[in-house]
Protein backbone atom coordinates (compact mmCIF):
# COMPACT_ATOMS: atom_id res chain seq x y z
CA UNK A 1 -35.13 24.80 13.89
CA UNK A 2 -34.60 22.29 15.93
CA UNK A 3 -31.55 22.60 18.16
CA UNK A 4 -28.43 19.99 16.76
CA UNK A 5 -26.52 19.95 19.74
CA UNK A 6 -29.89 18.54 21.19
CA UNK A 7 -30.77 16.36 18.34
CA UNK A 8 -27.60 15.00 18.95
CA UNK A 9 -28.03 14.34 22.70
CA UNK A 10 -31.20 12.56 21.57
CA UNK A 11 -29.31 10.17 18.93
CA UNK A 12 -26.73 9.11 21.58
CA UNK A 13 -29.30 8.48 24.71
CA UNK A 14 -31.67 6.72 22.02
CA UNK A 15 -28.86 4.10 21.37
CA UNK A 16 -27.20 4.02 25.19
CA UNK A 17 -30.95 3.60 25.72
CA UNK A 18 -31.45 1.22 23.00
CA UNK A 19 -28.19 -1.46 23.82
CA UNK A 20 -29.63 -1.75 27.60
CA UNK A 21 -33.12 -3.25 26.43
CA UNK A 22 -32.09 -5.43 23.59
CA UNK A 23 -28.28 -6.49 24.36
CA UNK A 24 -27.25 -5.60 27.39
CA UNK A 25 -23.16 -5.65 28.12
CA UNK A 26 -22.97 -5.26 24.04
CA UNK A 27 -21.87 -1.47 24.23
CA UNK A 28 -18.41 -0.68 25.03
CA UNK A 29 -17.61 3.23 25.24
CA UNK A 30 -19.76 6.61 22.51
CA UNK A 31 -17.58 8.33 20.74
CA UNK A 32 -18.21 11.97 18.90
CA UNK A 33 -16.80 12.15 15.38
CA UNK A 34 -16.71 13.92 12.47
CA UNK A 35 -17.44 17.30 11.45
CA UNK A 36 -18.92 17.89 15.55
CA UNK A 37 -15.40 16.79 16.57
CA UNK A 38 -13.66 18.96 14.46
CA UNK A 39 -15.92 21.99 14.33
CA UNK A 40 -16.65 21.56 10.44
CA UNK A 41 -20.27 21.12 11.31
CA UNK A 42 -23.12 22.77 9.38
CA UNK A 43 -26.83 23.28 9.64
CA UNK A 44 -27.17 19.73 6.62
CA UNK A 45 -24.88 18.01 8.29
CA UNK A 46 -24.68 14.06 10.52
CA UNK A 47 -23.71 12.83 13.50
CA UNK A 48 -20.29 10.62 13.22
CA UNK A 49 -20.01 8.32 16.24
CA UNK A 50 -17.96 5.72 16.94
CA UNK A 51 -20.79 3.60 19.31
CA UNK A 52 -17.76 0.45 20.38
CA UNK A 53 -19.49 -2.98 20.20
CA UNK A 54 -18.37 -5.34 22.36
CA UNK A 55 -19.45 -8.62 20.87
CA UNK A 56 -22.22 -9.62 17.64
CA UNK A 57 -25.61 -8.94 19.22
CA UNK A 58 -24.17 -5.00 19.44
CA UNK A 59 -24.50 -5.49 15.36
CA UNK A 60 -28.39 -4.31 16.80
CA UNK A 61 -27.86 -1.17 17.40
CA UNK A 62 -26.41 0.03 14.30
CA UNK A 63 -28.97 1.37 12.13
CA UNK A 64 -29.57 4.35 8.67
CA UNK A 65 -31.73 6.83 8.42
CA UNK A 66 -33.18 10.01 7.35
CA UNK A 67 -34.46 12.41 9.25
CA UNK A 68 -37.01 15.07 6.52
CA UNK A 69 -37.49 18.18 8.87
CA UNK A 70 -33.54 18.57 7.98
CA UNK A 71 -33.29 16.88 5.61
CA UNK A 72 -30.17 15.29 7.08
CA UNK A 73 -29.17 11.68 6.59
CA UNK A 74 -27.71 9.26 9.39
CA UNK A 75 -25.18 6.13 9.61
CA UNK A 76 -25.19 5.47 13.29
CA UNK A 77 -22.85 2.22 12.74
CA UNK A 78 -20.73 -0.26 14.90
CA UNK A 79 -17.44 -0.78 15.50
CA UNK A 80 -16.24 -3.65 17.08
CA UNK A 81 -12.93 -4.30 18.94
CA UNK A 82 -11.14 -5.50 15.86
CA UNK A 83 -11.45 -2.60 13.91
CA UNK A 84 -9.90 -0.56 15.79
CA UNK A 85 -7.33 -3.22 16.95
CA UNK A 86 -6.44 -3.12 12.91
CA UNK A 87 -6.38 1.04 12.74
CA UNK A 88 -4.14 0.80 15.55
CA UNK A 89 -1.68 -0.54 13.53
CA UNK A 90 -1.78 1.66 10.76
CA UNK A 91 -2.56 0.52 7.85
CA UNK A 92 -4.13 2.99 6.35
CA UNK A 93 -4.37 6.49 7.46
CA UNK A 94 -8.17 6.70 7.89
CA UNK A 95 -8.10 6.56 12.31
CA UNK A 96 -8.88 9.35 12.94
CA UNK A 97 -12.00 7.20 14.83
CA UNK A 98 -9.62 5.50 16.70
CA UNK A 99 -7.29 8.83 17.25
CA UNK A 100 -9.58 11.23 17.94
CA UNK A 101 -13.24 11.01 18.95
CA UNK A 102 -14.62 12.17 22.23
CA UNK A 103 -15.59 9.82 23.95
CA UNK A 104 -19.13 10.98 25.29
CA UNK A 105 -20.92 8.19 27.68
CA UNK A 106 -18.66 4.89 28.95
CA UNK A 107 -20.08 1.60 30.49
CA UNK A 108 -17.18 1.25 32.00
CA UNK A 109 -12.87 2.33 32.87
CA UNK A 110 -12.08 -0.78 31.36
CA UNK A 111 -13.43 -0.08 27.83
CA UNK A 112 -11.87 3.92 28.61
CA UNK A 113 -8.79 2.67 29.15
CA UNK A 114 -8.19 -0.14 26.57
CA UNK A 115 -9.40 2.33 23.88
CA UNK A 116 -6.56 4.85 24.79
CA UNK A 117 -4.27 1.59 24.99
CA UNK A 118 -4.78 1.61 21.24
CA UNK A 119 -4.26 5.37 20.01
CA UNK A 120 -1.36 4.29 22.18
CA UNK A 121 -0.44 1.92 20.34
CA UNK A 122 -0.53 3.96 16.93
CA UNK A 123 0.87 7.05 18.56
CA UNK A 124 3.87 5.66 19.04
CA UNK A 125 4.01 4.54 15.54
CA UNK A 126 3.24 7.76 14.09
CA UNK A 127 5.85 9.02 15.76
CA UNK A 128 8.89 6.40 15.05
CA UNK A 129 11.42 7.07 12.83
CA UNK A 130 10.27 6.55 9.59
CA UNK A 131 11.30 3.18 8.40
CA UNK A 132 11.69 0.59 5.66
CA UNK A 133 8.60 -1.10 6.20
CA UNK A 134 6.76 2.28 6.64
CA UNK A 135 7.80 2.96 3.03
CA UNK A 136 6.48 -0.43 2.83
CA UNK A 137 3.11 0.27 3.82
CA UNK A 138 2.81 3.13 1.72
CA UNK A 139 4.05 1.65 -1.38
CA UNK A 140 1.00 -0.74 -0.75
CA UNK A 141 -1.47 2.51 -1.63
CA UNK A 142 0.63 4.21 -4.63
CA UNK A 143 0.36 0.21 -5.86
CA UNK A 144 -2.84 0.06 -6.00
CA UNK A 145 -3.35 3.42 -7.04
CA UNK A 146 -1.12 2.32 -10.98
CA UNK A 147 -3.43 -1.26 -10.42
CA UNK A 148 -6.76 1.36 -11.47
CA UNK A 149 -4.90 3.98 -13.11
CA UNK A 150 -3.62 0.67 -15.74
CA UNK A 151 -7.75 0.31 -15.22
CA UNK A 152 -8.68 3.83 -16.80
CA UNK A 153 -6.65 4.05 -19.86
CA UNK A 154 -7.18 0.36 -20.74
CA UNK A 155 -11.02 1.77 -21.34
CA UNK A 156 -12.61 3.03 -23.88
CA UNK A 157 -16.49 3.99 -21.37
CA UNK A 158 -16.06 7.13 -20.43
CA UNK A 159 -18.05 6.46 -16.72
CA UNK A 160 -15.67 3.49 -15.84
CA UNK A 161 -12.64 6.27 -16.49
CA UNK A 162 -14.08 7.92 -14.09
CA UNK A 163 -14.58 5.47 -11.30
CA UNK A 164 -10.68 3.86 -11.78
CA UNK A 165 -9.46 7.66 -11.48
CA UNK A 166 -11.41 8.05 -8.23
CA UNK A 167 -10.06 5.39 -7.36
CA UNK A 168 -6.04 6.81 -7.86
CA UNK A 169 -6.89 10.06 -6.59
CA UNK A 170 -7.99 8.07 -3.21
CA UNK A 171 -5.10 5.61 -3.13
CA UNK A 172 -2.16 8.89 -4.09
CA UNK A 173 -4.22 10.49 -1.17
CA UNK A 174 -3.07 8.06 1.07
CA UNK A 175 -0.30 6.44 -0.06
CA UNK A 176 1.08 10.34 0.21
CA UNK A 177 -0.38 10.58 3.92
CA UNK A 178 1.51 7.22 4.87
CA UNK A 179 5.19 8.47 3.43
CA UNK A 180 4.52 11.07 5.48
CA UNK A 181 3.05 8.99 8.58
CA UNK A 182 -0.34 11.48 9.34
CA UNK A 183 -3.79 10.20 8.99
CA UNK A 184 -6.51 12.46 8.04
CA UNK A 185 -8.33 14.11 10.81
CA UNK A 186 -10.74 16.26 9.13
CA UNK A 187 -11.90 13.96 5.99
CA UNK A 188 -12.96 15.00 2.49
CA UNK A 189 -14.05 18.48 3.38
CA UNK A 190 -10.48 19.89 3.74
CA UNK A 191 -8.62 16.46 2.34
CA UNK A 192 -5.91 19.06 0.29
CA UNK A 193 -4.97 21.49 3.19
CA UNK A 194 -4.03 18.76 5.17
CA UNK A 195 -1.81 16.94 2.12
CA UNK A 196 -0.58 20.49 1.55
CA UNK A 197 0.63 20.78 4.77
CA UNK A 198 3.01 17.30 4.10
CA UNK A 199 6.85 17.61 3.05
CA UNK A 200 6.78 14.57 1.20
CA UNK A 201 4.83 14.76 -1.66
CA UNK A 202 4.75 16.05 -5.45
CA UNK A 203 5.46 20.04 -5.44
CA UNK A 204 1.17 20.22 -6.48
CA UNK A 205 -0.87 17.31 -5.88
CA UNK A 206 -3.53 19.30 -4.57
CA UNK A 207 -4.04 21.39 -7.49
CA UNK A 208 -2.87 18.18 -10.00
CA UNK A 209 -6.15 16.22 -8.27
CA UNK A 210 -8.48 19.31 -8.97
CA UNK A 211 -7.75 18.42 -12.52
CA UNK A 212 -8.35 15.53 -12.34
CA UNK A 213 -11.89 16.16 -11.01
CA UNK A 214 -12.27 18.74 -13.30
CA UNK A 215 -11.37 16.96 -16.28
CA UNK A 216 -14.86 17.49 -18.73
CA UNK A 217 -13.44 14.19 -20.68
CA UNK A 218 -12.38 10.69 -20.84
CA UNK A 219 -9.12 11.72 -22.50
CA UNK A 220 -9.07 14.77 -20.18
CA UNK A 221 -9.13 12.63 -17.31
CA UNK A 222 -6.45 9.98 -18.68
CA UNK A 223 -4.06 13.06 -19.23
CA UNK A 224 -4.04 14.56 -15.85
CA UNK A 225 -3.70 11.27 -13.72
CA UNK A 226 -0.76 9.63 -16.15
CA UNK A 227 0.28 13.44 -14.32
CA UNK A 228 -0.67 12.72 -11.36
CA UNK A 229 0.79 9.01 -11.31
CA UNK A 230 4.29 10.16 -12.64
CA UNK A 231 4.70 12.70 -10.22
CA UNK A 232 3.65 10.40 -6.91
CA UNK A 233 5.74 7.85 -8.52
CA UNK A 234 8.86 10.04 -8.74
CA UNK A 235 7.79 11.18 -4.99
CA UNK A 236 7.94 7.48 -3.70
CA UNK A 237 11.34 7.19 -5.53
CA UNK A 238 13.20 9.75 -4.14
CA UNK A 239 12.92 8.31 -0.62
CA UNK A 240 12.69 5.33 -0.70
CA UNK A 241 16.44 5.92 -2.06
CA UNK A 242 16.80 7.44 0.94
CA UNK A 243 16.34 4.63 3.60
CA UNK A 244 19.23 3.32 4.52
CA UNK A 245 19.26 -0.52 3.51
CA UNK A 246 21.38 -3.67 5.10
CA UNK A 247 22.19 -5.91 2.70
CA UNK A 248 23.71 -9.27 3.43
CA UNK A 249 27.14 -9.52 2.66
CA UNK A 250 28.20 -11.78 -0.49
CA UNK A 251 28.86 -15.53 1.11
CA UNK A 252 28.35 -19.05 -0.40
CA UNK A 253 24.80 -19.32 1.85
CA UNK A 254 23.53 -15.88 0.06
CA UNK A 255 24.35 -15.98 -3.12
CA UNK A 256 25.79 -20.12 -3.38
CA UNK A 257 24.47 -22.56 -6.57
CA UNK A 258 22.67 -19.12 -8.15
CA UNK A 259 25.15 -18.53 -11.31
CA UNK A 260 24.35 -22.51 -11.79
CA UNK A 261 20.89 -22.18 -11.72
CA UNK A 262 20.96 -19.04 -13.58
CA UNK A 263 22.99 -20.99 -16.11
CA UNK A 264 20.71 -23.94 -16.17
CA UNK A 265 17.32 -21.95 -16.19
CA UNK A 266 18.23 -19.48 -19.71
CA UNK A 267 21.89 -19.94 -20.87
CA UNK A 268 21.29 -22.68 -23.45
CA UNK A 269 17.43 -21.16 -23.49
CA UNK A 270 19.12 -18.18 -24.81
CA UNK A 271 20.91 -19.36 -27.92
CA UNK A 272 18.14 -21.30 -28.63
CA UNK A 273 15.42 -19.03 -29.21
CA UNK A 274 18.48 -17.66 -31.32
CA UNK A 275 18.99 -21.06 -33.94
CA UNK A 276 15.13 -21.08 -34.35
CA UNK A 277 14.22 -16.92 -34.30
CA UNK A 278 12.20 -17.66 -30.91
CA UNK A 279 12.03 -14.05 -29.84
CA UNK A 280 9.04 -15.30 -27.82
CA UNK A 281 11.39 -17.25 -25.40
CA UNK A 282 14.52 -15.15 -25.76
CA UNK A 283 12.50 -12.43 -24.12
CA UNK A 284 10.52 -14.07 -20.97
CA UNK A 285 13.99 -15.42 -20.81
CA UNK A 286 15.55 -12.15 -20.24
CA UNK A 287 12.43 -11.31 -18.44
CA UNK A 288 12.71 -14.90 -15.29
CA UNK A 289 16.24 -13.88 -15.14
CA UNK A 290 15.66 -10.62 -14.22
CA UNK A 291 13.43 -11.59 -11.64
CA UNK A 292 16.17 -13.49 -9.70
CA UNK A 293 18.72 -11.24 -10.24
CA UNK A 294 16.02 -8.64 -8.54
CA UNK A 295 15.52 -10.70 -5.78
CA UNK A 296 19.06 -11.27 -4.77
CA UNK A 297 20.25 -7.94 -5.30
CA UNK A 298 17.36 -6.91 -3.00
CA UNK A 299 18.52 -8.46 -0.12
CA UNK A 300 22.91 -9.30 -1.10
CA UNK A 301 25.45 -6.21 -2.06
CA UNK A 302 26.24 -7.60 -5.74
CA UNK A 303 26.61 -5.31 -8.46
CA UNK A 304 24.02 -4.27 -11.35
CA UNK A 305 23.69 -5.90 -13.80
CA UNK A 306 21.23 -4.76 -16.89
CA UNK A 307 19.52 -7.82 -17.45
CA UNK A 308 17.18 -6.06 -20.16
CA UNK A 309 19.05 -4.40 -20.91
CA UNK A 310 20.43 -7.60 -23.26
CA UNK A 311 17.17 -7.80 -25.39
CA UNK A 312 18.03 -6.56 -29.37
CA UNK A 313 15.00 -8.51 -31.06
CA UNK A 314 16.37 -8.01 -34.64
CA UNK A 315 20.01 -10.30 -33.44
CA UNK A 316 18.91 -12.91 -31.01
CA UNK A 317 22.34 -14.04 -31.43
CA UNK A 318 24.14 -11.12 -30.00
CA UNK A 319 21.17 -11.53 -27.62
CA UNK A 320 22.57 -15.01 -26.27
CA UNK A 321 25.49 -13.65 -25.56
CA UNK A 322 25.12 -10.43 -23.89
CA UNK A 323 23.52 -12.54 -21.07
CA UNK A 324 25.97 -15.34 -21.54
CA UNK A 325 29.06 -12.45 -20.46
CA UNK A 326 26.82 -11.15 -18.17
CA UNK A 327 27.05 -15.12 -16.53
CA UNK A 328 30.56 -14.69 -16.70
CA UNK A 329 30.49 -11.11 -14.76
CA UNK A 330 28.59 -12.33 -12.19
CA UNK A 331 31.40 -14.76 -11.60
CA UNK A 332 33.21 -12.20 -10.01
CA UNK A 333 30.42 -12.53 -7.13
CA UNK A 334 31.36 -15.63 -6.07
CA UNK A 335 35.57 -14.95 -6.46
CA UNK A 336 34.45 -11.95 -4.10
CA UNK A 337 32.84 -13.94 -1.25
CA UNK A 338 35.40 -17.03 -2.50
CA UNK A 339 33.25 -19.43 -3.75
CA UNK A 340 33.56 -22.47 -6.06
CA UNK A 341 30.88 -22.67 -8.74
CA UNK A 342 29.67 -26.20 -9.42
CA UNK A 343 31.06 -28.05 -12.62
CA UNK A 344 32.65 -30.74 -13.20
CA UNK A 345 33.70 -32.75 -16.87
CA UNK A 346 30.70 -34.98 -17.31
CA UNK A 347 27.93 -36.83 -14.97
CA UNK A 348 30.16 -40.00 -13.30
CA UNK A 349 32.08 -37.32 -12.08
CA UNK A 350 29.38 -35.33 -11.04
CA UNK A 351 27.45 -38.59 -9.30
CA UNK A 352 31.03 -39.10 -7.83
CA UNK A 353 30.37 -36.19 -5.62
CA UNK A 354 27.49 -35.91 -4.73
CA UNK A 355 27.60 -38.98 -3.37
CA UNK A 356 30.50 -38.87 -1.23
CA UNK A 357 29.20 -35.19 0.39
CA UNK A 358 26.73 -36.48 2.23
């Protein structure tokens, strides 16, 4: 049996020797990560390396191969500084290569210092108090999971259902890690252990994931990813409610002109929809209006308005009247900010006023 430490040393020495021969100046340093760094290796473990290169010539050091005597595959993969710089911004939780690699060879100590500076940058981000920006980073993972969930639910092909369900699991795990401002140290083999140690997560997160990967039919997969998504989304909502939000006060420069725009864009469309029985026009007009209200309320301290609650497909006049009522209520926001609505008796009055205000 080949000694694994001896085998690993031969691989590392081969990389160093080749770098000197074919691309001198390209190799910056080599680090060991993965199972041989964490101590989780066994007789079939491959060697995971951080081979940090300075330029494109260094790609020659990359190689994938199979070691027949141990029946082990190795992926000798190179990493550029740009990749680690991205990792240092903590845009995803799979940054153990940057944070945990044990440096075993360094061409120049300046490279070690450069690597440690990137580690420090990531460490400062991880240790900073959880913020709105941190939530938004985590939410990107949740959004990806929701996309995969929708594709799985819509698919009739069992293999595609499994494929998209895998995406759900992957992005949920990443999103939860980001929600906790942590990264995965140990990889897939110990992901349940790491997830269970995180505070902000569904209570039975790993049990739900395990039900997904243990499901024996497409219908069962869909059932379990639905529960996983519901519980994960609920945790995100709970966290979101704890984040302090600073909204701008109602004023001319924050909402001035918005009432007139809402009136112009959708009020008459709502009554036209009622007169013509056009449910699509009424519904989509309310959807558009709701987007505008949501955008304003996310930045400005206004009251809440249930725009979509106006919709009654059986009575479009009632729908139009309900929207008109909300517009009138929204004028109270103008009053709070001392804003005057722009209203004219006719177009001539507008033209005179418009030309005077230059």
